[in-house]
Amino acid sequence: MEPFERFRKLNTEGNLWIYVLALGKDDIVCEEEVRKLIFERFGFLPGTILLKTVLYRLKRKDYIKSERYKGKRAYRTTERGKKELTKTVEFCQQLIEKI
């Protein structure tokens, strides 16, 4: 695998939680739409099982909360999740400046 391909993979599927938190930071997101929204907004399609695992872990650690929205399971990023997302953005900005 070429260096850029590895970098891209590690920063998309390898860090799926960032994209889930970003989707739910301003709005509630229906679980069945998460994959599609990630593809539309970020340009990659995560695996279903991987996505379910990430959602479960984020919920368990209180980074997202589960709600019912129009009779469907949906998620919203918690304040704790928003803080993690902010720290991640700041780290990425510092890294880009260094590179």
PDB file of N, CA and C in Angstrom:
ATOM      1  N   MET A   1       0.839  -1.171   0.000  1.00  0.00           N
ATOM      2  CA  MET A   1       0.000   0.000   0.000  1.00  0.00           C
ATOM      3  C   MET A   1       0.891   1.243   0.000  1.00  0.00           C
ATOM      4  N   GLU A   2       0.546   2.174  -0.835  1.00  0.00           N
ATOM      5  CA  GLU A   2       1.293   3.427  -0.944  1.00  0.00           C
ATOM      6  C   GLU A   2       1.076   4.270   0.321  1.00  0.00           C
ATOM      7  N   PRO A   3       2.034   5.142   0.660  1.00  0.00           N
ATOM      8  CA  PRO A   3       1.912   5.950   1.873  1.00  0.00           C
ATOM      9  C   PRO A   3       0.618   6.775   1.944  1.00  0.00           C
ATOM     10  N   PHE A   4       0.248   7.400   0.832  1.00  0.00           N
ATOM     11  CA  PHE A   4      -0.979   8.206   0.874  1.00  0.00           C
ATOM     12  C   PHE A   4      -2.214   7.336   1.081  1.00  0.00           C
ATOM     13  N   GLU A   5      -2.270   6.184   0.433  1.00  0.00           N
ATOM     14  CA  GLU A   5      -3.414   5.284   0.600  1.00  0.00           C
ATOM     15  C   GLU A   5      -3.547   4.854   2.058  1.00  0.00           C
ATOM     16  N   ARG A   6      -2.424   4.537   2.673  1.00  0.00           N
ATOM     17  CA  ARG A   6      -2.441   4.135   4.084  1.00  0.00           C
ATOM     18  C   ARG A   6      -2.914   5.293   4.964  1.00  0.00           C
ATOM     19  N   PHE A   7      -2.398   6.484   4.697  1.00  0.00           N
ATOM     20  CA  PHE A   7      -2.801   7.665   5.457  1.00  0.00           C
ATOM     21  C   PHE A   7      -4.305   7.902   5.325  1.00  0.00           C
ATOM     22  N   ARG A   8      -4.815   7.829   4.099  1.00  0.00           N
ATOM     23  CA  ARG A   8      -6.243   8.042   3.855  1.00  0.00           C
ATOM     24  C   ARG A   8      -7.077   7.005   4.594  1.00  0.00           C
ATOM     25  N   LYS A   9      -6.696   5.742   4.519  1.00  0.00           N
ATOM     26  CA  LYS A   9      -7.455   4.677   5.166  1.00  0.00           C
ATOM     27  C   LYS A   9      -7.466   4.839   6.691  1.00  0.00           C
ATOM     28  N   LEU A  10      -6.303   5.162   7.242  1.00  0.00           N
ATOM     29  CA  LEU A  10      -6.224   5.339   8.695  1.00  0.00           C
ATOM     30  C   LEU A  10      -7.010   6.556   9.173  1.00  0.00           C
ATOM     31  N   ASN A  11      -7.195   7.535   8.287  1.00  0.00           N
ATOM     32  CA  ASN A  11      -7.916   8.746   8.667  1.00  0.00           C
ATOM     33  C   ASN A  11      -9.362   8.761   8.198  1.00  0.00           C
ATOM     34  N   THR A  12      -9.841   7.646   7.698  1.00  0.00           N
ATOM     35  CA  THR A  12     -11.261   7.512   7.362  1.00  0.00           C
ATOM     36  C   THR A  12     -11.817   6.332   8.158  1.00  0.00           C
ATOM     37  N   GLU A  13     -11.738   5.124   7.604  1.00  0.00           N
ATOM     38  CA  GLU A  13     -12.258   3.949   8.302  1.00  0.00           C
ATOM     39  C   GLU A  13     -11.550   3.725   9.636  1.00  0.00           C
ATOM     40  N   GLY A  14     -10.286   4.060   9.706  1.00  0.00           N
ATOM     41  CA  GLY A  14      -9.508   3.858  10.921  1.00  0.00           C
ATOM     42  C   GLY A  14      -9.876   4.787  12.067  1.00  0.00           C
ATOM     43  N   ASN A  15     -10.559   5.861  11.759  1.00  0.00           N
ATOM     44  CA  ASN A  15     -11.000   6.829  12.780  1.00  0.00           C
ATOM     45  C   ASN A  15     -12.466   7.187  12.558  1.00  0.00           C
ATOM     46  N   LEU A  16     -13.270   6.174  12.395  1.00  0.00           N
ATOM     47  CA  LEU A  16     -14.683   6.366  12.079  1.00  0.00           C
ATOM     48  C   LEU A  16     -15.426   7.178  13.129  1.00  0.00           C
ATOM     49  N   TRP A  17     -15.001   7.064  14.365  1.00  0.00           N
ATOM     50  CA  TRP A  17     -15.684   7.759  15.455  1.00  0.00           C
ATOM     51  C   TRP A  17     -15.724   9.270  15.238  1.00  0.00           C
ATOM     52  N   ILE A  18     -14.684   9.825  14.628  1.00  0.00           N
ATOM     53  CA  ILE A  18     -14.636  11.271  14.391  1.00  0.00           C
ATOM     54  C   ILE A  18     -15.811  11.699  13.508  1.00  0.00           C
ATOM     55  N   TYR A  19     -16.078  10.926  12.490  1.00  0.00           N
ATOM     56  CA  TYR A  19     -17.132  11.257  11.529  1.00  0.00           C
ATOM     57  C   TYR A  19     -18.517  11.090  12.146  1.00  0.00           C
ATOM     58  N   VAL A  20     -18.684  10.080  12.992  1.00  0.00           N
ATOM     59  CA  VAL A  20     -19.960   9.889  13.695  1.00  0.00           C
ATOM     60  C   VAL A  20     -20.219  11.070  14.631  1.00  0.00           C
ATOM     61  N   LEU A  21     -19.209  11.458  15.388  1.00  0.00           N
ATOM     62  CA  LEU A  21     -19.368  12.607  16.295  1.00  0.00           C
ATOM     63  C   LEU A  21     -19.660  13.881  15.507  1.00  0.00           C
ATOM     64  N   ALA A  22     -19.006  14.059  14.376  1.00  0.00           N
ATOM     65  CA  ALA A  22     -19.224  15.261  13.565  1.00  0.00           C
ATOM     66  C   ALA A  22     -20.653  15.321  13.026  1.00  0.00           C
ATOM     67  N   LEU A  23     -21.193  14.187  12.617  1.00  0.00           N
ATOM     68  CA  LEU A  23     -22.562  14.174  12.103  1.00  0.00           C
ATOM     69  C   LEU A  23     -23.575  14.561  13.170  1.00  0.00           C
ATOM     70  N   GLY A  24     -23.354  14.100  14.398  1.00  0.00           N
ATOM     71  CA  GLY A  24     -24.328  14.323  15.458  1.00  0.00           C
ATOM     72  C   GLY A  24     -24.112  15.556  16.304  1.00  0.00           C
ATOM     73  N   LYS A  25     -23.110  16.360  15.972  1.00  0.00           N
ATOM     74  CA  LYS A  25     -22.817  17.512  16.838  1.00  0.00           C
ATOM     75  C   LYS A  25     -23.868  18.612  16.744  1.00  0.00           C
ATOM     76  N   ASP A  26     -24.502  18.782  15.599  1.00  0.00           N
ATOM     77  CA  ASP A  26     -25.483  19.853  15.436  1.00  0.00           C
ATOM     78  C   ASP A  26     -26.910  19.339  15.257  1.00  0.00           C
ATOM     79  N   ASP A  27     -27.045  18.062  14.954  1.00  0.00           N
ATOM     80  CA  ASP A  27     -28.342  17.518  14.612  1.00  0.00           C
ATOM     81  C   ASP A  27     -28.479  16.088  15.092  1.00  0.00           C
ATOM     82  N   ILE A  28     -29.697  15.630  15.191  1.00  0.00           N
ATOM     83  CA  ILE A  28     -29.942  14.226  15.499  1.00  0.00           C
ATOM     84  C   ILE A  28     -29.841  13.443  14.191  1.00  0.00           C
ATOM     85  N   VAL A  29     -29.254  12.253  14.246  1.00  0.00           N
ATOM     86  CA  VAL A  29     -29.018  11.463  13.043  1.00  0.00           C
ATOM     87  C   VAL A  29     -29.624  10.073  13.237  1.00  0.00           C
ATOM     88  N   CYS A  30     -30.504   9.665  12.327  1.00  0.00           N
ATOM     89  CA  CYS A  30     -31.088   8.331  12.389  1.00  0.00           C
ATOM     90  C   CYS A  30     -30.022   7.287  12.094  1.00  0.00           C
ATOM     91  N   GLU A  31     -30.041   6.214  12.874  1.00  0.00           N
ATOM     92  CA  GLU A  31     -29.024   5.168  12.734  1.00  0.00           C
ATOM     93  C   GLU A  31     -28.944   4.626  11.311  1.00  0.00           C
ATOM     94  N   GLU A  32     -30.084   4.437  10.679  1.00  0.00           N
ATOM     95  CA  GLU A  32     -30.078   3.860   9.328  1.00  0.00           C
ATOM     96  C   GLU A  32     -29.508   4.803   8.268  1.00  0.00           C
ATOM     97  N   GLU A  33     -29.368   6.070   8.601  1.00  0.00           N
ATOM     98  CA  GLU A  33     -28.845   7.043   7.642  1.00  0.00           C
ATOM     99  C   GLU A  33     -27.370   7.364   7.839  1.00  0.00           C
ATOM    100  N   VAL A  34     -26.761   6.883   8.914  1.00  0.00           N
ATOM    101  CA  VAL A  34     -25.384   7.259   9.247  1.00  0.00           C
ATOM    102  C   VAL A  34     -24.424   6.889   8.116  1.00  0.00           C
ATOM    103  N   ARG A  35     -24.478   5.661   7.613  1.00  0.00           N
ATOM    104  CA  ARG A  35     -23.565   5.236   6.541  1.00  0.00           C
ATOM    105  C   ARG A  35     -23.690   6.147   5.319  1.00  0.00           C
ATOM    106  N   LYS A  36     -24.937   6.395   4.907  1.00  0.00           N
ATOM    107  CA  LYS A  36     -25.191   7.222   3.726  1.00  0.00           C
ATOM    108  C   LYS A  36     -24.673   8.642   3.938  1.00  0.00           C
ATOM    109  N   LEU A  37     -24.911   9.191   5.110  1.00  0.00           N
ATOM    110  CA  LEU A  37     -24.458  10.557   5.396  1.00  0.00           C
ATOM    111  C   LEU A  37     -22.936  10.655   5.422  1.00  0.00           C
ATOM    112  N   ILE A  38     -22.276   9.637   5.952  1.00  0.00           N
ATOM    113  CA  ILE A  38     -20.812   9.635   5.942  1.00  0.00           C
ATOM    114  C   ILE A  38     -20.308   9.618   4.504  1.00  0.00           C
ATOM    115  N   PHE A  39     -20.935   8.816   3.666  1.00  0.00           N
ATOM    116  CA  PHE A  39     -20.521   8.767   2.259  1.00  0.00           C
ATOM    117  C   PHE A  39     -20.756  10.103   1.569  1.00  0.00           C
ATOM    118  N   GLU A  40     -21.924  10.679   1.774  1.00  0.00           N
ATOM    119  CA  GLU A  40     -22.254  11.948   1.117  1.00  0.00           C
ATOM    120  C   GLU A  40     -21.376  13.101   1.594  1.00  0.00           C
ATOM    121  N   ARG A  41     -21.120  13.144   2.878  1.00  0.00           N
ATOM    122  CA  ARG A  41     -20.397  14.294   3.448  1.00  0.00           C
ATOM    123  C   ARG A  41     -18.877  14.129   3.434  1.00  0.00           C
ATOM    124  N   PHE A  42     -18.401  12.881   3.656  1.00  0.00           N
ATOM    125  CA  PHE A  42     -16.968  12.674   3.826  1.00  0.00           C
ATOM    126  C   PHE A  42     -16.327  11.824   2.731  1.00  0.00           C
ATOM    127  N   GLY A  43     -17.129  11.235   1.859  1.00  0.00           N
ATOM    128  CA  GLY A  43     -16.589  10.562   0.681  1.00  0.00           C
ATOM    129  C   GLY A  43     -16.103   9.139   0.857  1.00  0.00           C
ATOM    130  N   PHE A  44     -16.523   8.439   1.897  1.00  0.00           N
ATOM    131  CA  PHE A  44     -16.196   7.025   2.031  1.00  0.00           C
ATOM    132  C   PHE A  44     -17.363   6.301   2.679  1.00  0.00           C
ATOM    133  N   LEU A  45     -17.470   5.015   2.411  1.00  0.00           N
ATOM    134  CA  LEU A  45     -18.583   4.223   2.908  1.00  0.00           C
ATOM    135  C   LEU A  45     -18.068   3.191   3.900  1.00  0.00           C
ATOM    136  N   PRO A  46     -18.334   3.394   5.193  1.00  0.00           N
ATOM    137  CA  PRO A  46     -17.837   2.446   6.195  1.00  0.00           C
ATOM    138  C   PRO A  46     -18.624   1.143   6.170  1.00  0.00           C
ATOM    139  N   GLY A  47     -17.997   0.092   6.633  1.00  0.00           N
ATOM    140  CA  GLY A  47     -18.669  -1.191   6.746  1.00  0.00           C
ATOM    141  C   GLY A  47     -19.764  -1.147   7.801  1.00  0.00           C
ATOM    142  N   THR A  48     -20.807  -1.908   7.577  1.00  0.00           N
ATOM    143  CA  THR A  48     -21.953  -1.911   8.482  1.00  0.00           C
ATOM    144  C   THR A  48     -21.587  -2.396   9.876  1.00  0.00           C
ATOM    145  N   ILE A  49     -20.869  -3.497   9.960  1.00  0.00           N
ATOM    146  CA  ILE A  49     -20.512  -4.057  11.262  1.00  0.00           C
ATOM    147  C   ILE A  49     -19.568  -3.121  12.010  1.00  0.00           C
ATOM    148  N   LEU A  50     -18.585  -2.568  11.304  1.00  0.00           N
ATOM    149  CA  LEU A  50     -17.668  -1.616  11.925  1.00  0.00           C
ATOM    150  C   LEU A  50     -18.433  -0.414  12.463  1.00  0.00           C
ATOM    151  N   LEU A  51     -19.363   0.091  11.686  1.00  0.00           N
ATOM    152  CA  LEU A  51     -20.146   1.247  12.099  1.00  0.00           C
ATOM    153  C   LEU A  51     -20.975   0.933  13.348  1.00  0.00           C
ATOM    154  N   LYS A  52     -21.626  -0.210  13.375  1.00  0.00           N
ATOM    155  CA  LYS A  52     -22.413  -0.597  14.551  1.00  0.00           C
ATOM    156  C   LYS A  52     -21.532  -0.724  15.791  1.00  0.00           C
ATOM    157  N   THR A  53     -20.319  -1.264  15.609  1.00  0.00           N
ATOM    158  CA  THR A  53     -19.384  -1.385  16.720  1.00  0.00           C
ATOM    159  C   THR A  53     -18.987  -0.012  17.250  1.00  0.00           C
ATOM    160  N   VAL A  54     -18.692   0.906  16.345  1.00  0.00           N
ATOM    161  CA  VAL A  54     -18.302   2.262  16.740  1.00  0.00           C
ATOM    162  C   VAL A  54     -19.455   2.964  17.452  1.00  0.00           C
ATOM    163  N   LEU A  55     -20.671   2.835  16.928  1.00  0.00           N
ATOM    164  CA  LEU A  55     -21.829   3.441  17.575  1.00  0.00           C
ATOM    165  C   LEU A  55     -22.017   2.889  18.983  1.00  0.00           C
ATOM    166  N   TYR A  56     -21.886   1.583  19.131  1.00  0.00           N
ATOM    167  CA  TYR A  56     -22.033   0.947  20.442  1.00  0.00           C
ATOM    168  C   TYR A  56     -20.995   1.482  21.430  1.00  0.00           C
ATOM    169  N   ARG A  57     -19.747   1.545  20.994  1.00  0.00           N
ATOM    170  CA  ARG A  57     -18.679   2.003  21.890  1.00  0.00           C
ATOM    171  C   ARG A  57     -18.827   3.476  22.251  1.00  0.00           C
ATOM    172  N   LEU A  58     -19.203   4.296  21.289  1.00  0.00           N
ATOM    173  CA  LEU A  58     -19.404   5.721  21.577  1.00  0.00           C
ATOM    174  C   LEU A  58     -20.555   5.917  22.561  1.00  0.00           C
ATOM    175  N   LYS A  59     -21.613   5.144  22.386  1.00  0.00           N
ATOM    176  CA  LYS A  59     -22.755   5.246  23.295  1.00  0.00           C
ATOM    177  C   LYS A  59     -22.382   4.763  24.691  1.00  0.00           C
ATOM    178  N   ARG A  60     -21.663   3.663  24.757  1.00  0.00           N
ATOM    179  CA  ARG A  60     -21.277   3.090  26.047  1.00  0.00           C
ATOM    180  C   ARG A  60     -20.406   4.052  26.850  1.00  0.00           C
ATOM    181  N   LYS A  61     -19.572   4.818  26.165  1.00  0.00           N
ATOM    182  CA  LYS A  61     -18.680   5.753  26.852  1.00  0.00           C
ATOM    183  C   LYS A  61     -19.252   7.169  26.923  1.00  0.00           C
ATOM    184  N   ASP A  62     -20.531   7.309  26.584  1.00  0.00           N
ATOM    185  CA  ASP A  62     -21.253   8.574  26.704  1.00  0.00           C
ATOM    186  C   ASP A  62     -20.717   9.679  25.789  1.00  0.00           C
ATOM    187  N   TYR A  63     -20.266   9.313  24.598  1.00  0.00           N
ATOM    188  CA  TYR A  63     -19.882  10.313  23.604  1.00  0.00           C
ATOM    189  C   TYR A  63     -21.063  10.644  22.691  1.00  0.00           C
ATOM    190  N   ILE A  64     -21.998   9.703  22.591  1.00  0.00           N
ATOM    191  CA  ILE A  64     -23.254   9.935  21.886  1.00  0.00           C
ATOM    192  C   ILE A  64     -24.370   9.403  22.773  1.00  0.00           C
ATOM    193  N   LYS A  65     -25.580   9.894  22.519  1.00  0.00           N
ATOM    194  CA  LYS A  65     -26.724   9.342  23.233  1.00  0.00           C
ATOM    195  C   LYS A  65     -27.756   8.895  22.213  1.00  0.00           C
ATOM    196  N   SER A  66     -28.449   7.860  22.557  1.00  0.00           N
ATOM    197  CA  SER A  66     -29.459   7.276  21.689  1.00  0.00           C
ATOM    198  C   SER A  66     -30.816   7.889  22.014  1.00  0.00           C
ATOM    199  N   GLU A  67     -31.573   8.193  20.981  1.00  0.00           N
ATOM    200  CA  GLU A  67     -32.907   8.762  21.127  1.00  0.00           C
ATOM    201  C   GLU A  67     -33.831   8.117  20.107  1.00  0.00           C
ATOM    202  N   ARG A  68     -35.121   8.347  20.279  1.00  0.00           N
ATOM    203  CA  ARG A  68     -36.094   7.948  19.273  1.00  0.00           C
ATOM    204  C   ARG A  68     -36.447   9.192  18.481  1.00  0.00           C
ATOM    205  N   TYR A  69     -36.403   9.064  17.166  1.00  0.00           N
ATOM    206  CA  TYR A  69     -36.729  10.181  16.288  1.00  0.00           C
ATOM    207  C   TYR A  69     -37.602   9.641  15.171  1.00  0.00           C
ATOM    208  N   LYS A  70     -38.834  10.089  15.136  1.00  0.00           N
ATOM    209  CA  LYS A  70     -39.812   9.606  14.159  1.00  0.00           C
ATOM    210  C   LYS A  70     -39.922   8.080  14.208  1.00  0.00           C
ATOM    211  N   GLY A  71     -39.898   7.541  15.413  1.00  0.00           N
ATOM    212  CA  GLY A  71     -40.056   6.107  15.609  1.00  0.00           C
ATOM    213  C   GLY A  71     -38.826   5.272  15.299  1.00  0.00           C
ATOM    214  N   LYS A  72     -37.706   5.920  15.040  1.00  0.00           N
ATOM    215  CA  LYS A  72     -36.475   5.207  14.694  1.00  0.00           C
ATOM    216  C   LYS A  72     -35.388   5.543  15.703  1.00  0.00           C
ATOM    217  N   ARG A  73     -34.409   4.629  15.810  1.00  0.00           N
ATOM    218  CA  ARG A  73     -33.266   4.888  16.686  1.00  0.00           C
ATOM    219  C   ARG A  73     -32.386   5.950  16.027  1.00  0.00           C
ATOM    220  N   ALA A  74     -32.005   6.910  16.828  1.00  0.00           N
ATOM    221  CA  ALA A  74     -31.182   8.012  16.318  1.00  0.00           C
ATOM    222  C   ALA A  74     -30.142   8.374  17.375  1.00  0.00           C
ATOM    223  N   TYR A  75     -29.158   9.146  16.949  1.00  0.00           N
ATOM    224  CA  TYR A  75     -28.049   9.517  17.829  1.00  0.00           C
ATOM    225  C   TYR A  75     -27.796  11.006  17.771  1.00  0.00           C
ATOM    226  N   ARG A  76     -27.276  11.498  18.877  1.00  0.00           N
ATOM    227  CA  ARG A  76     -26.843  12.886  18.968  1.00  0.00           C
ATOM    228  C   ARG A  76     -25.545  12.902  19.776  1.00  0.00           C
ATOM    229  N   THR A  77     -24.607  13.732  19.381  1.00  0.00           N
ATOM    230  CA  THR A  77     -23.339  13.847  20.092  1.00  0.00           C
ATOM    231  C   THR A  77     -23.567  14.562  21.416  1.00  0.00           C
ATOM    232  N   THR A  78     -23.026  14.019  22.487  1.00  0.00           N
ATOM    233  CA  THR A  78     -23.144  14.624  23.814  1.00  0.00           C
ATOM    234  C   THR A  78     -22.092  15.724  23.973  1.00  0.00           C
ATOM    235  N   GLU A  79     -22.182  16.452  25.070  1.00  0.00           N
ATOM    236  CA  GLU A  79     -21.169  17.473  25.346  1.00  0.00           C
ATOM    237  C   GLU A  79     -19.785  16.838  25.470  1.00  0.00           C
ATOM    238  N   ARG A  80     -19.725  15.670  26.069  1.00  0.00           N
ATOM    239  CA  ARG A  80     -18.446  14.961  26.188  1.00  0.00           C
ATOM    240  C   ARG A  80     -17.886  14.623  24.798  1.00  0.00           C
ATOM    241  N   GLY A  81     -18.760  14.189  23.898  1.00  0.00           N
ATOM    242  CA  GLY A  81     -18.338  13.890  22.532  1.00  0.00           C
ATOM    243  C   GLY A  81     -17.886  15.123  21.778  1.00  0.00           C
ATOM    244  N   LYS A  82     -18.580  16.231  22.003  1.00  0.00           N
ATOM    245  CA  LYS A  82     -18.201  17.488  21.345  1.00  0.00           C
ATOM    246  C   LYS A  82     -16.827  17.959  21.810  1.00  0.00           C
ATOM    247  N   LYS A  83     -16.524  17.757  23.089  1.00  0.00           N
ATOM    248  CA  LYS A  83     -15.200  18.130  23.602  1.00  0.00           C
ATOM    249  C   LYS A  83     -14.114  17.287  22.939  1.00  0.00           C
ATOM    250  N   GLU A  84     -14.366  16.003  22.775  1.00  0.00           N
ATOM    251  CA  GLU A  84     -13.388  15.126  22.108  1.00  0.00           C
ATOM    252  C   GLU A  84     -13.198  15.542  20.652  1.00  0.00           C
ATOM    253  N   LEU A  85     -14.279  15.892  19.995  1.00  0.00           N
ATOM    254  CA  LEU A  85     -14.204  16.332  18.601  1.00  0.00           C
ATOM    255  C   LEU A  85     -13.409  17.627  18.486  1.00  0.00           C
ATOM    256  N   THR A  86     -13.623  18.547  19.406  1.00  0.00           N
ATOM    257  CA  THR A  86     -12.877  19.804  19.415  1.00  0.00           C
ATOM    258  C   THR A  86     -11.383  19.549  19.615  1.00  0.00           C
ATOM    259  N   LYS A  87     -11.035  18.669  20.560  1.00  0.00           N
ATOM    260  CA  LYS A  87      -9.626  18.334  20.790  1.00  0.00           C
ATOM    261  C   LYS A  87      -9.011  17.718  19.536  1.00  0.00           C
ATOM    262  N   THR A  88      -9.780  16.903  18.831  1.00  0.00           N
ATOM    263  CA  THR A  88      -9.285  16.258  17.621  1.00  0.00           C
ATOM    264  C   THR A  88      -9.026  17.283  16.523  1.00  0.00           C
ATOM    265  N   VAL A  89      -9.941  18.212  16.354  1.00  0.00           N
ATOM    266  CA  VAL A  89      -9.777  19.262  15.340  1.00  0.00           C
ATOM    267  C   VAL A  89      -8.541  20.102  15.647  1.00  0.00           C
ATOM    268  N   GLU A  90      -8.367  20.480  16.901  1.00  0.00           N
ATOM    269  CA  GLU A  90      -7.197  21.268  17.295  1.00  0.00           C
ATOM    270  C   GLU A  90      -5.900  20.503  17.035  1.00  0.00           C
ATOM    271  N   PHE A  91      -5.887  19.224  17.354  1.00  0.00           N
ATOM    272  CA  PHE A  91      -4.708  18.399  17.109  1.00  0.00           C
ATOM    273  C   PHE A  91      -4.402  18.336  15.616  1.00  0.00           C
ATOM    274  N   CYS A  92      -5.419  18.125  14.792  1.00  0.00           N
ATOM    275  CA  CYS A  92      -5.206  18.053  13.340  1.00  0.00           C
ATOM    276  C   CYS A  92      -4.684  19.376  12.775  1.00  0.00           C
ATOM    277  N   GLN A  93      -5.198  20.487  13.278  1.00  0.00           N
ATOM    278  CA  GLN A  93      -4.723  21.789  12.828  1.00  0.00           C
ATOM    279  C   GLN A  93      -3.253  21.990  13.182  1.00  0.00           C
ATOM    280  N   GLN A  94      -2.871  21.596  14.398  1.00  0.00           N
ATOM    281  CA  GLN A  94      -1.463  21.708  14.818  1.00  0.00           C
ATOM    282  C   GLN A  94      -0.582  20.803  13.973  1.00  0.00           C
ATOM    283  N   LEU A  95      -1.051  19.619  13.689  1.00  0.00           N
ATOM    284  CA  LEU A  95      -0.283  18.677  12.874  1.00  0.00           C
ATOM    285  C   LEU A  95      -0.065  19.210  11.469  1.00  0.00           C
ATOM    286  N   ILE A  96      -1.115  19.786  10.885  1.00  0.00           N
ATOM    287  CA  ILE A  96      -0.998  20.349   9.528  1.00  0.00           C
ATOM    288  C   ILE A  96       0.020  21.482   9.515  1.00  0.00           C
ATOM    289  N   GLU A  97       0.014  22.316  10.544  1.00  0.00           N
ATOM    290  CA  GLU A  97       0.984  23.414  10.622  1.00  0.00           C
ATOM    291  C   GLU A  97       2.413  22.891  10.691  1.00  0.00           C
ATOM    292  N   LYS A  98       2.614  21.778  11.398  1.00  0.00           N
ATOM    293  CA  LYS A  98       3.948  21.204  11.543  1.00  0.00           C
ATOM    294  C   LYS A  98       4.423  20.545  10.259  1.00  0.00           C
ATOM    295  N   ILE A  99       3.511  19.958   9.535  1.00  0.00           N
ATOM    296  CA  ILE A  99       3.887  19.275   8.293  1.00  0.00           C
ATOM    297  C   ILE A  99       4.210  20.311   7.243  1.00  0.00           C
TER     298      ILE A  99
END
